[in-house]
Every structure is written in C-alpha cells, then in structure tokens.
Protein backbone atom coordinates (compact mmCIF):
# COMPACT_ATOMS: atom_id res chain seq x y z
CA MET A 1 72.97 -45.77 -45.66
CA SER A 2 72.01 -49.12 -47.55
CA PRO A 3 69.44 -51.42 -46.03
CA LEU A 4 71.68 -54.17 -45.03
CA ARG A 5 73.71 -51.95 -43.47
CA ALA A 6 70.85 -50.01 -41.71
CA LEU A 7 69.71 -53.91 -40.32
CA SER A 8 72.82 -54.44 -38.57
CA LEU A 9 72.92 -51.53 -37.23
CA LEU A 10 69.56 -52.56 -35.22
CA VAL A 11 70.79 -56.59 -35.03
CA PHE A 12 73.62 -55.51 -32.82
CA PRO A 13 71.95 -53.29 -30.20
CA LEU A 14 69.46 -56.16 -29.25
CA ALA A 15 71.89 -58.94 -28.65
CA ALA A 16 73.71 -57.22 -27.07
CA CYS A 17 70.56 -57.25 -24.40
CA ALA A 18 70.29 -60.79 -24.73
CA ASN A 19 73.20 -61.73 -23.54
CA ASP A 20 74.06 -59.43 -20.30
CA PRO A 21 74.19 -61.38 -17.77
CA PRO A 22 71.34 -61.21 -15.23
CA TYR A 23 72.38 -59.87 -11.49
CA GLN A 24 74.29 -57.71 -13.28
CA PRO A 25 74.22 -53.68 -11.59
CA CYS A 26 71.74 -51.39 -12.77
CA GLY A 27 69.77 -48.45 -11.33
CA PRO A 28 67.74 -45.08 -13.06
CA SER A 29 71.35 -44.93 -15.48
CA GLU A 30 71.46 -48.82 -16.12
CA PRO A 31 67.82 -50.47 -16.85
CA CYS A 32 68.06 -54.29 -17.59
CA GLN A 33 68.46 -55.57 -20.19
CA SER A 34 68.23 -59.09 -19.39
CA GLU A 35 65.63 -61.95 -18.63
CA THR A 36 66.49 -60.70 -14.91
CA ARG A 37 64.29 -57.11 -15.74
CA LEU A 38 63.16 -56.20 -11.93
CA CYS A 39 65.57 -53.37 -10.20
CA LEU A 40 66.53 -54.18 -6.04
CA SER A 41 68.15 -51.40 -3.93
CA ASN A 42 68.95 -53.01 -1.08
CA THR A 43 70.50 -51.07 1.73
CA LEU A 44 72.92 -51.81 5.07
CA THR A 45 73.50 -49.46 7.24
CA SER A 46 75.15 -49.00 10.53
CA GLY A 47 75.71 -46.53 12.74
CA ALA A 48 76.07 -43.46 10.05
CA ALA A 49 77.91 -45.41 7.31
CA SER A 50 75.83 -46.78 4.78
CA ARG A 51 76.03 -49.12 1.35
CA THR A 52 73.33 -49.80 -1.41
CA VAL A 53 73.35 -52.05 -4.10
CA ARG A 54 72.00 -52.06 -7.43
CA PHE A 55 71.15 -55.27 -9.07
CA CYS A 56 69.02 -56.98 -11.82
CA SER A 57 66.85 -59.56 -10.58
CA LEU A 58 63.29 -61.22 -10.74
CA ARG A 59 60.75 -63.11 -8.52
CA CYS A 60 60.67 -66.26 -8.05
CA THR A 61 57.41 -68.10 -6.06
CA ALA A 62 59.09 -70.64 -3.59
CA ALA A 63 61.76 -70.33 -1.34
CA ALA A 64 65.09 -72.41 -1.90
CA ALA A 65 68.37 -72.42 -1.58
CA GLN A 66 69.40 -73.56 -5.30
CA SER A 67 66.35 -72.94 -7.89
CA ALA A 68 65.50 -73.80 -11.25
CA GLU A 69 63.27 -70.90 -11.54
CA CYS A 70 66.51 -68.59 -11.12
CA PRO A 71 69.03 -68.16 -13.38
CA ASN A 72 72.12 -69.70 -12.97
CA SER A 73 70.78 -71.66 -10.08
CA GLY A 74 70.19 -68.42 -7.60
CA THR A 75 69.16 -69.22 -4.24
CA CYS A 76 65.01 -67.83 -4.32
CA MET A 77 65.14 -65.84 -0.72
CA ARG A 78 62.84 -63.55 0.96
CA LEU A 79 65.31 -59.56 0.82
CA ASN A 80 64.85 -58.52 4.20
CA GLY A 81 62.14 -60.07 4.79
CA GLY A 82 60.26 -59.04 1.84
CA ASP A 83 58.78 -61.04 -1.16
CA LEU A 84 60.87 -63.74 -2.90
CA VAL A 85 63.56 -62.96 -4.95
CA CYS A 86 66.19 -64.54 -6.99
CA LEU A 87 70.00 -63.60 -5.54
CA PRO A 88 73.16 -64.59 -6.83
CA ARG A 89 74.53 -68.25 -5.34
CA CYS A 90 78.59 -67.25 -5.63
CA THR A 91 81.72 -68.52 -3.81
CA ALA A 92 83.78 -65.53 -4.09
CA THR A 93 83.18 -61.76 -3.62
CA GLY A 94 84.88 -61.38 -6.66
CA ASP A 95 81.84 -63.76 -8.50
CA CYS A 96 79.76 -60.70 -8.27
CA LEU A 97 78.70 -58.68 -10.66
CA PHE A 98 77.32 -55.43 -8.95
CA PRO A 99 79.69 -52.68 -6.52
CA ASN A 100 79.42 -52.31 -2.91
CA ALA A 101 78.63 -56.08 -2.74
CA VAL A 102 79.98 -59.62 -0.34
CA CYS A 103 79.62 -62.47 -1.30
CA ALA A 104 78.35 -63.90 2.32
CA VAL A 105 76.23 -66.57 4.38
CA THR A 106 73.06 -64.34 5.57
CA PRO A 107 70.19 -65.93 8.08
CA GLU A 108 68.43 -65.14 5.14
CA SER A 109 70.14 -67.31 2.39
CA LEU A 110 69.17 -70.74 3.45
CA GLY A 111 73.16 -71.54 4.22
CA GLN A 112 74.20 -70.37 0.54
CA ARG A 113 77.31 -67.34 0.72
CA ILE A 114 75.28 -64.90 -1.41
CA CYS A 115 76.04 -62.30 -3.15
CA THR A 116 74.88 -59.14 -0.68
CA VAL A 117 75.70 -56.08 0.13
CA ALA A 118 78.63 -55.19 2.81
CA LEU A 119 79.54 -51.72 4.86
C-alpha cells in the first residue's frame, strides 16, 4: 500500500469522530466520540415497566436554561439530583437522537424542553 493511501485511511476515521453530534447514543459498544465524552444513563421506572436512555454528555458548572458550557446551548441541570450535566434542548421528540427519549419539560429542566427518558 502506498504511503498516501495509508494516510488517507487513517485521516477519515479521525475526521468522523470530530464531526459526531453531541448528545449521541452511547453504551459499552458505542463509546462517545465527540466533545461530549461522558456516557450518561438515566432510567425511569413505573410499576413493573422500566426504560433507560444512554447518551453522551459532559459536566457543567452552573445551572442554566441555556448554557454556553453545553454544546448547542444545551441546558445545564442536575440529572436526578446528581452532578450538573448538559442535556439537549428540543422542540419535539424527533429532535432527540437517542432511543427511548421524549422531548419534555421536567421539574429539573429549568422550564426548558429537554430530551429525557420516556415510558
């Protein structure tokens, strides 16, 4: 294989990682590749039913409905009373990139519609 061809094979995977959208789905076989490298898991249980969402995010330092710390001016909020993390804002469920998600206002979302777990 020529050196130029070997170089081009190495560059494309790196470029693809840099262009991954924030808040993408993640899990053991789908690590986070973009600027949001923290794979978060959120589970909602109601009776015998349970659903989990897993998505890439990052920590932030100040709660805000729209945070400059978060990609795409996401919401910086406490997820289930834990650490402050970035969550994607949305206008419809179709805006949410990860499975089992719904676009909704939650008590913690500072009045913003965010992508969260749904049953």
